[in-house]
Amino acid sequence: MAEQIYKDLIAEVQEAPSEVARLDDATFRLRSGRVMHFYTAEELLNFCEPLKCLHFFEGRELDETHGEPHYHSFLAYVGIKPPNK
């Protein structure tokens, strides 16, 4: 997981544990109560297992909308519920 926000959360757990708690390798709870989880491709595919996969894609996208330009990783899944047999 190379996302900058993930790296920032790891650092904040060390620097300000009252602001961010690390629940497991990929899950954080912010002081506000918001929970952030960084899904892997395998997790997403497992959640979508009951669906028929039409499209699955992993990618990175340049974000120039705030601060220094940086990249975000993303997972895209398009599936349909299979017909009942």
C-alpha atoms as a PDB file:
ATOM      1  CA  MET A   1       0.000   0.000   0.000  1.00  0.00           C
ATOM      2  CA  ALA A   2       1.849   3.016  -1.210  1.00  0.00           C
ATOM      3  CA  GLU A   3      -0.915   5.612  -0.948  1.00  0.00           C
ATOM      4  CA  GLN A   4       0.334   8.793   0.700  1.00  0.00           C
ATOM      5  CA  ILE A   5      -2.739   8.989   2.955  1.00  0.00           C
ATOM      6  CA  TYR A   6      -1.934   5.467   4.203  1.00  0.00           C
ATOM      7  CA  LYS A   7       1.652   6.505   4.947  1.00  0.00           C
ATOM      8  CA  ASP A   8       0.393   9.658   6.688  1.00  0.00           C
ATOM      9  CA  LEU A   9      -1.993   7.641   8.876  1.00  0.00           C
ATOM     10  CA  ILE A  10       0.808   5.256   9.891  1.00  0.00           C
ATOM     11  CA  ALA A  11       2.952   8.241  10.903  1.00  0.00           C
ATOM     12  CA  GLU A  12       0.064   9.852  12.785  1.00  0.00           C
ATOM     13  CA  VAL A  13      -0.546   6.658  14.785  1.00  0.00           C
ATOM     14  CA  GLN A  14       3.017   7.059  16.087  1.00  0.00           C
ATOM     15  CA  GLU A  15       2.953  10.850  16.526  1.00  0.00           C
ATOM     16  CA  ALA A  16      -0.613  11.422  17.746  1.00  0.00           C
ATOM     17  CA  PRO A  17      -2.230   8.181  18.931  1.00  0.00           C
ATOM     18  CA  SER A  18      -5.149  10.165  20.396  1.00  0.00           C
ATOM     19  CA  GLU A  19      -6.037  11.262  16.838  1.00  0.00           C
ATOM     20  CA  VAL A  20      -5.693   7.956  14.947  1.00  0.00           C
ATOM     21  CA  ALA A  21      -5.900   4.333  16.074  1.00  0.00           C
ATOM     22  CA  ARG A  22      -4.664   1.481  13.912  1.00  0.00           C
ATOM     23  CA  LEU A  23      -7.155  -1.380  14.097  1.00  0.00           C
ATOM     24  CA  ASP A  24      -5.259  -3.753  11.786  1.00  0.00           C
ATOM     25  CA  ASP A  25      -2.807  -3.575   8.877  1.00  0.00           C
ATOM     26  CA  ALA A  26      -5.273  -1.783   6.612  1.00  0.00           C
ATOM     27  CA  THR A  27      -7.854  -0.181   8.944  1.00  0.00           C
ATOM     28  CA  PHE A  28      -7.687   3.048  10.939  1.00  0.00           C
ATOM     29  CA  ARG A  29     -10.161   4.830  13.232  1.00  0.00           C
ATOM     30  CA  LEU A  30      -9.945   8.613  13.289  1.00  0.00           C
ATOM     31  CA  ARG A  31     -10.767  10.672  16.370  1.00  0.00           C
ATOM     32  CA  SER A  32     -14.015  11.729  14.659  1.00  0.00           C
ATOM     33  CA  GLY A  33     -15.085   8.063  14.666  1.00  0.00           C
ATOM     34  CA  ARG A  34     -14.626   7.690  10.912  1.00  0.00           C
ATOM     35  CA  VAL A  35     -13.085   4.367   9.912  1.00  0.00           C
ATOM     36  CA  MET A  36     -10.798   4.138   6.885  1.00  0.00           C
ATOM     37  CA  HIS A  37      -9.968   0.778   5.330  1.00  0.00           C
ATOM     38  CA  PHE A  38      -7.611   0.260   2.403  1.00  0.00           C
ATOM     39  CA  TYR A  39      -8.995  -2.670   0.396  1.00  0.00           C
ATOM     40  CA  THR A  40      -6.814  -5.044  -1.583  1.00  0.00           C
ATOM     41  CA  ALA A  41      -7.845  -6.420  -4.959  1.00  0.00           C
ATOM     42  CA  GLU A  42      -8.294  -9.832  -3.346  1.00  0.00           C
ATOM     43  CA  GLU A  43     -10.691  -8.425  -0.719  1.00  0.00           C
ATOM     44  CA  LEU A  44     -12.784  -6.681  -3.361  1.00  0.00           C
ATOM     45  CA  LEU A  45     -12.984  -9.791  -5.514  1.00  0.00           C
ATOM     46  CA  ASN A  46     -14.015 -11.874  -2.486  1.00  0.00           C
ATOM     47  CA  PHE A  47     -16.836  -9.422  -1.664  1.00  0.00           C
ATOM     48  CA  CYS A  48     -18.053  -9.588  -5.249  1.00  0.00           C
ATOM     49  CA  GLU A  49     -17.787 -13.373  -5.570  1.00  0.00           C
ATOM     50  CA  PRO A  50     -21.584 -13.900  -5.852  1.00  0.00           C
ATOM     51  CA  LEU A  51     -21.630 -11.629  -8.920  1.00  0.00           C
ATOM     52  CA  LYS A  52     -20.615 -12.419 -12.479  1.00  0.00           C
ATOM     53  CA  CYS A  53     -17.575 -10.252 -13.203  1.00  0.00           C
ATOM     54  CA  LEU A  54     -17.918  -8.169 -16.358  1.00  0.00           C
ATOM     55  CA  HIS A  55     -14.892  -5.937 -15.753  1.00  0.00           C
ATOM     56  CA  PHE A  56     -12.132  -5.638 -13.156  1.00  0.00           C
ATOM     57  CA  PHE A  57      -9.343  -3.086 -13.303  1.00  0.00           C
ATOM     58  CA  GLU A  58      -6.584  -1.793 -11.026  1.00  0.00           C
ATOM     59  CA  GLY A  59      -5.052   1.583 -11.793  1.00  0.00           C
ATOM     60  CA  ARG A  60      -3.478   4.806 -10.649  1.00  0.00           C
ATOM     61  CA  GLU A  61      -4.778   8.291 -11.322  1.00  0.00           C
ATOM     62  CA  LEU A  62      -2.999  11.638 -11.129  1.00  0.00           C
ATOM     63  CA  ASP A  63      -4.658  14.090  -8.709  1.00  0.00           C
ATOM     64  CA  GLU A  64      -3.842  17.749  -9.388  1.00  0.00           C
ATOM     65  CA  THR A  65      -6.878  19.160  -7.574  1.00  0.00           C
ATOM     66  CA  HIS A  66      -5.150  20.063  -4.290  1.00  0.00           C
ATOM     67  CA  GLY A  67      -1.606  20.445  -3.024  1.00  0.00           C
ATOM     68  CA  GLU A  68       1.292  18.940  -4.925  1.00  0.00           C
ATOM     69  CA  PRO A  69       0.315  16.625  -7.788  1.00  0.00           C
ATOM     70  CA  HIS A  70       0.131  13.043  -6.544  1.00  0.00           C
ATOM     71  CA  TYR A  71      -1.355   9.682  -7.467  1.00  0.00           C
ATOM     72  CA  HIS A  72      -4.220   7.640  -6.053  1.00  0.00           C
ATOM     73  CA  SER A  73      -4.611   3.923  -6.619  1.00  0.00           C
ATOM     74  CA  PHE A  74      -8.051   2.548  -7.381  1.00  0.00           C
ATOM     75  CA  LEU A  75      -9.897  -0.691  -8.005  1.00  0.00           C
ATOM     76  CA  ALA A  76     -12.863  -0.869 -10.367  1.00  0.00           C
ATOM     77  CA  TYR A  77     -15.314  -3.764 -10.510  1.00  0.00           C
ATOM     78  CA  VAL A  78     -18.408  -4.110 -12.657  1.00  0.00           C
ATOM     79  CA  GLY A  79     -20.524  -7.182 -12.082  1.00  0.00           C
ATOM     80  CA  ILE A  80     -24.074  -8.411 -12.458  1.00  0.00           C
ATOM     81  CA  LYS A  81     -26.209 -10.713 -10.394  1.00  0.00           C
ATOM     82  CA  PRO A  82     -26.367 -14.020 -12.255  1.00  0.00           C
ATOM     83  CA  PRO A  83     -29.845 -15.233 -13.208  1.00  0.00           C
ATOM     84  CA  ASN A  84     -31.457 -17.778 -10.882  1.00  0.00           C
ATOM     85  CA  LYS A  85     -31.314 -21.286 -12.281  1.00  0.00           C
END
